[in-house]
Amino acid sequence: MSFKHCETAFMSIKENIVQLQKNIPDTVTLVAVSKTKPVAAIQEAYDSGQRIFGENKIQEMSEKWEQLPKDIQWHMIGHVQTNKVKFMIPYVTLIHSADRRKLFKEINKQAALAHRTVDVLLQVKIAQEDTKYGMPLTEATALLEGNQLDQYPNVRVVGLMGMASFTDDMTQVATEFQVLEKLFIRFRESKNLSTLSMGMSGDYQLAIENGSTMVRVGSAIFGARNYH
């Protein structure tokens, strides 16, 4: 891709962010999903006022963290391998994808070594697709009940995250969002949950209608991704 092509592709980032901010209530947090996008595109979004960015690979996120302004809040939104946790612990603001007890244990271990407490979202499987990650609903409910989270003193569960099925059936998507919203409401007060992360570029408005307080938007800001 030529520099001229890149420049043209990035010209509308600010415009896209402004439009999204008009569509999203003040009570909803916008996470700009910057995975696969170059530093220049993220810098342009930053210069437009965006401060929260989501990545799905720890190595890529760490490289960007080193190059970009340090007041950026980095969110890990992708599936996390336990052997990679230590690389993001020094700087990550929020881990959306805490989806298994083994991962909770490792985050707790590395956070303790770094003398910090790390905020996470419990990722719950609400989609019917086998390809979607997430803790089964029954297991997530059991983890939130009682004092089981106390065994991870350096991990603070601040909310829930879920990904709906990739389908054109918006009724199904809404139903899946509602399952997570009900779980969130059930434990919101007892576990002091503040964040319900649901919705992406194609369904964020529906997610907001069903209680989402945080949306993860990539292509609607940066354009289609180039995975090559």
Protein backbone atom coordinates (compact mmCIF):
# COMPACT_ATOMS: atom_id res chain seq x y z
CA MET A 1 0.00 0.00 0.00
CA SER A 2 1.44 3.37 -0.96
CA PHE A 3 1.80 6.23 1.50
CA LYS A 4 -0.77 8.20 -0.48
CA HIS A 5 -3.25 5.31 -0.19
CA CYS A 6 -2.60 5.07 3.56
CA GLU A 7 -3.13 8.78 4.01
CA THR A 8 -6.44 8.63 2.16
CA ALA A 9 -7.60 5.63 4.20
CA PHE A 10 -6.89 7.41 7.47
CA MET A 11 -8.47 10.76 6.58
CA SER A 12 -11.90 9.85 7.95
CA ILE A 13 -10.82 8.45 11.33
CA LYS A 14 -11.59 11.68 13.18
CA GLU A 15 -14.88 12.01 11.35
CA ASN A 16 -15.82 8.44 12.24
CA ILE A 17 -15.04 8.99 15.93
CA VAL A 18 -17.11 12.18 16.02
CA GLN A 19 -20.03 10.36 14.41
CA LEU A 20 -19.77 7.46 16.84
CA GLN A 21 -19.72 9.82 19.80
CA LYS A 22 -22.99 11.29 18.54
CA ASN A 23 -24.53 7.81 18.38
CA ILE A 24 -23.24 6.57 21.72
CA PRO A 25 -24.68 7.85 25.02
CA ASP A 26 -22.33 9.57 27.46
CA THR A 27 -22.80 6.60 29.81
CA VAL A 28 -21.24 4.21 27.29
CA THR A 29 -17.46 3.88 26.87
CA LEU A 30 -16.01 3.59 23.37
CA VAL A 31 -13.09 1.21 22.91
CA ALA A 32 -11.38 1.78 19.56
CA VAL A 33 -10.33 -1.66 18.34
CA SER A 34 -6.96 -1.00 16.77
CA LYS A 35 -5.75 -4.57 16.15
CA THR A 36 -3.75 -4.91 12.91
CA LYS A 37 -3.82 -1.13 12.49
CA PRO A 38 -0.55 0.85 12.25
CA VAL A 39 0.69 3.28 14.85
CA ALA A 40 -0.07 6.21 12.54
CA ALA A 41 -3.78 5.32 12.49
CA ILE A 42 -3.90 5.01 16.28
CA GLN A 43 -2.08 8.32 16.64
CA GLU A 44 -4.67 9.96 14.41
CA ALA A 45 -7.47 8.58 16.58
CA TYR A 46 -5.58 9.76 19.66
CA ASP A 47 -5.22 13.24 18.17
CA SER A 48 -8.99 13.18 17.65
CA GLY A 49 -9.50 12.67 21.38
CA GLN A 50 -9.74 8.88 21.64
CA ARG A 51 -7.84 7.45 24.63
CA ILE A 52 -9.00 3.83 24.93
CA PHE A 53 -7.76 1.24 22.44
CA GLY A 54 -8.36 -2.50 22.23
CA GLU A 55 -5.93 -5.11 20.94
CA ASN A 56 -6.18 -8.88 20.64
CA LYS A 57 -2.51 -9.88 20.60
CA ILE A 58 -0.21 -9.07 23.50
CA GLN A 59 2.96 -8.74 21.43
CA GLU A 60 1.35 -6.29 19.01
CA MET A 61 -0.19 -4.31 21.87
CA SER A 62 3.15 -4.12 23.70
CA GLU A 63 4.92 -2.82 20.61
CA LYS A 64 2.30 -0.11 20.18
CA TRP A 65 2.39 0.76 23.88
CA GLU A 66 6.12 1.45 23.58
CA GLN A 67 5.64 3.83 20.65
CA LEU A 68 2.50 5.75 21.56
CA PRO A 69 1.55 8.31 24.25
CA LYS A 70 1.57 6.88 27.75
CA ASP A 71 -1.85 8.21 28.74
CA ILE A 72 -3.49 5.72 26.38
CA GLN A 73 -5.56 3.07 28.14
CA TRP A 74 -4.82 -0.31 26.59
CA HIS A 75 -7.52 -2.98 26.71
CA MET A 76 -6.77 -6.62 25.91
CA ILE A 77 -9.89 -7.87 24.12
CA GLY A 78 -8.60 -11.09 22.56
CA HIS A 79 -8.16 -14.62 23.86
CA VAL A 80 -5.19 -14.66 26.23
CA GLN A 81 -2.55 -17.37 26.46
CA THR A 82 -1.38 -17.77 30.06
CA ASN A 83 2.31 -17.76 29.08
CA LYS A 84 1.91 -14.27 27.55
CA VAL A 85 0.17 -12.62 30.53
CA LYS A 86 3.39 -11.32 32.12
CA PHE A 87 4.19 -9.14 29.10
CA MET A 88 1.11 -6.92 29.43
CA ILE A 89 0.74 -6.76 33.21
CA PRO A 90 2.98 -3.68 33.65
CA TYR A 91 0.70 -1.43 31.59
CA VAL A 92 -2.64 -3.02 30.62
CA THR A 93 -5.69 -1.09 31.88
CA LEU A 94 -8.39 -3.71 31.42
CA ILE A 95 -8.46 -7.36 30.32
CA HIS A 96 -11.82 -8.12 28.70
CA SER A 97 -11.21 -11.80 28.12
CA ALA A 98 -10.76 -13.44 31.53
CA ASP A 99 -12.55 -16.64 30.54
CA ARG A 100 -11.12 -19.44 32.68
CA ARG A 101 -9.86 -20.02 36.23
CA LYS A 102 -6.36 -20.91 35.04
CA LEU A 103 -6.11 -17.46 33.48
CA PHE A 104 -7.41 -15.77 36.64
CA LYS A 105 -4.69 -17.58 38.59
CA GLU A 106 -1.94 -16.44 36.21
CA ILE A 107 -3.13 -12.83 36.09
CA ASN A 108 -3.24 -12.81 39.88
CA LYS A 109 0.29 -14.25 40.08
CA GLN A 110 1.82 -11.77 37.62
CA ALA A 111 -0.08 -8.80 39.05
CA ALA A 112 1.22 -9.65 42.54
CA LEU A 113 4.78 -9.79 41.20
CA ALA A 114 4.21 -6.34 39.63
CA HIS A 115 2.73 -5.00 42.90
CA ARG A 116 -0.53 -4.00 41.28
CA THR A 117 -4.16 -5.01 41.02
CA VAL A 118 -5.39 -5.63 37.48
CA ASP A 119 -8.97 -4.93 36.38
CA VAL A 120 -10.62 -7.65 34.32
CA LEU A 121 -13.96 -8.49 32.78
CA LEU A 122 -15.28 -12.01 33.17
CA GLN A 123 -15.89 -13.20 29.61
CA VAL A 124 -19.04 -15.32 29.43
CA LYS A 125 -19.96 -17.50 26.46
CA ILE A 126 -23.31 -16.29 25.18
CA ALA A 127 -22.96 -17.13 21.47
CA GLN A 128 -24.13 -20.40 19.99
CA GLU A 129 -20.96 -20.62 17.89
CA ASP A 130 -18.27 -23.04 19.06
CA THR A 131 -15.60 -20.62 17.81
CA LYS A 132 -16.49 -18.00 20.42
CA TYR A 133 -14.58 -18.08 23.71
CA GLY A 134 -16.05 -17.49 27.13
CA MET A 135 -16.72 -19.18 30.43
CA PRO A 136 -19.92 -21.26 30.37
CA LEU A 137 -22.83 -19.42 31.97
CA THR A 138 -23.22 -21.94 34.79
CA GLU A 139 -19.52 -21.78 35.68
CA ALA A 140 -19.48 -17.97 35.51
CA THR A 141 -22.48 -17.83 37.83
CA ALA A 142 -20.78 -20.19 40.27
CA LEU A 143 -17.60 -18.09 40.22
CA LEU A 144 -19.53 -14.91 41.01
CA GLU A 145 -21.51 -16.50 43.81
CA GLY A 146 -20.05 -16.55 47.30
CA ASN A 147 -16.40 -15.68 47.88
CA GLN A 148 -14.62 -17.62 45.13
CA LEU A 149 -13.06 -14.49 43.65
CA ASP A 150 -11.30 -13.80 46.95
CA GLN A 151 -8.64 -16.36 45.99
CA TYR A 152 -7.43 -13.85 43.37
CA PRO A 153 -6.63 -10.75 45.51
CA ASN A 154 -4.68 -9.03 42.73
CA VAL A 155 -7.48 -9.41 40.21
CA ARG A 156 -10.46 -7.07 40.35
CA VAL A 157 -13.52 -8.18 38.38
CA VAL A 158 -15.18 -4.91 37.34
CA GLY A 159 -17.73 -6.32 34.93
CA LEU A 160 -18.70 -8.85 32.28
CA MET A 161 -17.93 -9.25 28.58
CA GLY A 162 -19.65 -11.27 25.90
CA MET A 163 -19.60 -11.73 22.13
CA ALA A 164 -22.83 -12.50 20.30
CA SER A 165 -23.13 -14.93 17.42
CA PHE A 166 -21.99 -13.76 13.98
CA THR A 167 -25.37 -13.79 12.30
CA ASP A 168 -27.84 -11.55 10.49
CA ASP A 169 -30.54 -12.67 12.92
CA MET A 170 -30.68 -9.65 15.19
CA THR A 171 -33.35 -11.28 17.33
CA GLN A 172 -30.87 -13.99 18.23
CA VAL A 173 -28.16 -11.43 18.90
CA ALA A 174 -30.48 -9.43 21.17
CA THR A 175 -31.44 -12.59 23.06
CA GLU A 176 -27.78 -13.41 23.67
CA PHE A 177 -27.09 -9.88 24.89
CA GLN A 178 -30.06 -10.14 27.26
CA VAL A 179 -28.65 -13.31 28.84
CA LEU A 180 -25.50 -11.42 29.80
CA GLU A 181 -27.41 -8.34 30.90
CA LYS A 182 -29.44 -10.46 33.32
CA LEU A 183 -26.26 -11.94 34.81
CA PHE A 184 -24.78 -8.45 35.11
CA ILE A 185 -27.87 -7.09 36.87
CA ARG A 186 -27.93 -10.09 39.22
CA PHE A 187 -24.40 -9.49 40.51
CA ARG A 188 -23.98 -5.77 39.86
CA GLU A 189 -24.42 -4.66 43.46
CA SER A 190 -23.03 -7.64 45.36
CA LYS A 191 -19.82 -7.76 43.26
CA ASN A 192 -19.64 -4.00 42.56
CA LEU A 193 -19.74 -4.49 38.78
CA SER A 194 -19.63 -1.32 36.69
CA THR A 195 -18.92 -2.50 33.14
CA LEU A 196 -20.93 -4.58 30.68
CA SER A 197 -18.87 -4.90 27.50
CA MET A 198 -21.05 -5.98 24.58
CA GLY A 199 -21.31 -4.88 20.99
CA MET A 200 -18.99 -4.27 18.05
CA SER A 201 -19.18 -2.29 14.81
CA GLY A 202 -22.13 -4.25 13.45
CA ASP A 203 -24.27 -4.53 16.56
CA TYR A 204 -23.16 -1.91 19.10
CA GLN A 205 -26.44 0.00 18.96
CA LEU A 206 -28.41 -3.16 19.70
CA ALA A 207 -25.98 -3.94 22.52
CA ILE A 208 -26.53 -0.50 24.05
CA GLU A 209 -30.29 -1.05 23.87
CA ASN A 210 -29.71 -4.21 25.90
CA GLY A 211 -27.64 -2.64 28.65
CA SER A 212 -24.09 -2.45 27.32
CA THR A 213 -21.92 0.19 28.99
CA MET A 214 -18.84 -0.43 26.80
CA VAL A 215 -18.64 -1.08 23.06
CA ARG A 216 -15.68 -2.36 21.05
CA VAL A 217 -15.62 -0.68 17.64
CA GLY A 218 -12.91 -1.20 15.03
CA SER A 219 -13.92 -1.13 11.36
CA ALA A 220 -16.42 1.71 11.90
CA ILE A 221 -13.45 3.83 13.00
CA PHE A 222 -10.44 2.55 11.09
CA GLY A 223 -12.05 0.88 8.07
CA ALA A 224 -11.74 -2.75 7.03
CA ARG A 225 -8.78 -4.65 8.44
CA ASN A 226 -5.91 -5.94 6.38
CA TYR A 227 -4.74 -9.18 8.01
CA HIS A 228 -1.84 -9.48 5.60
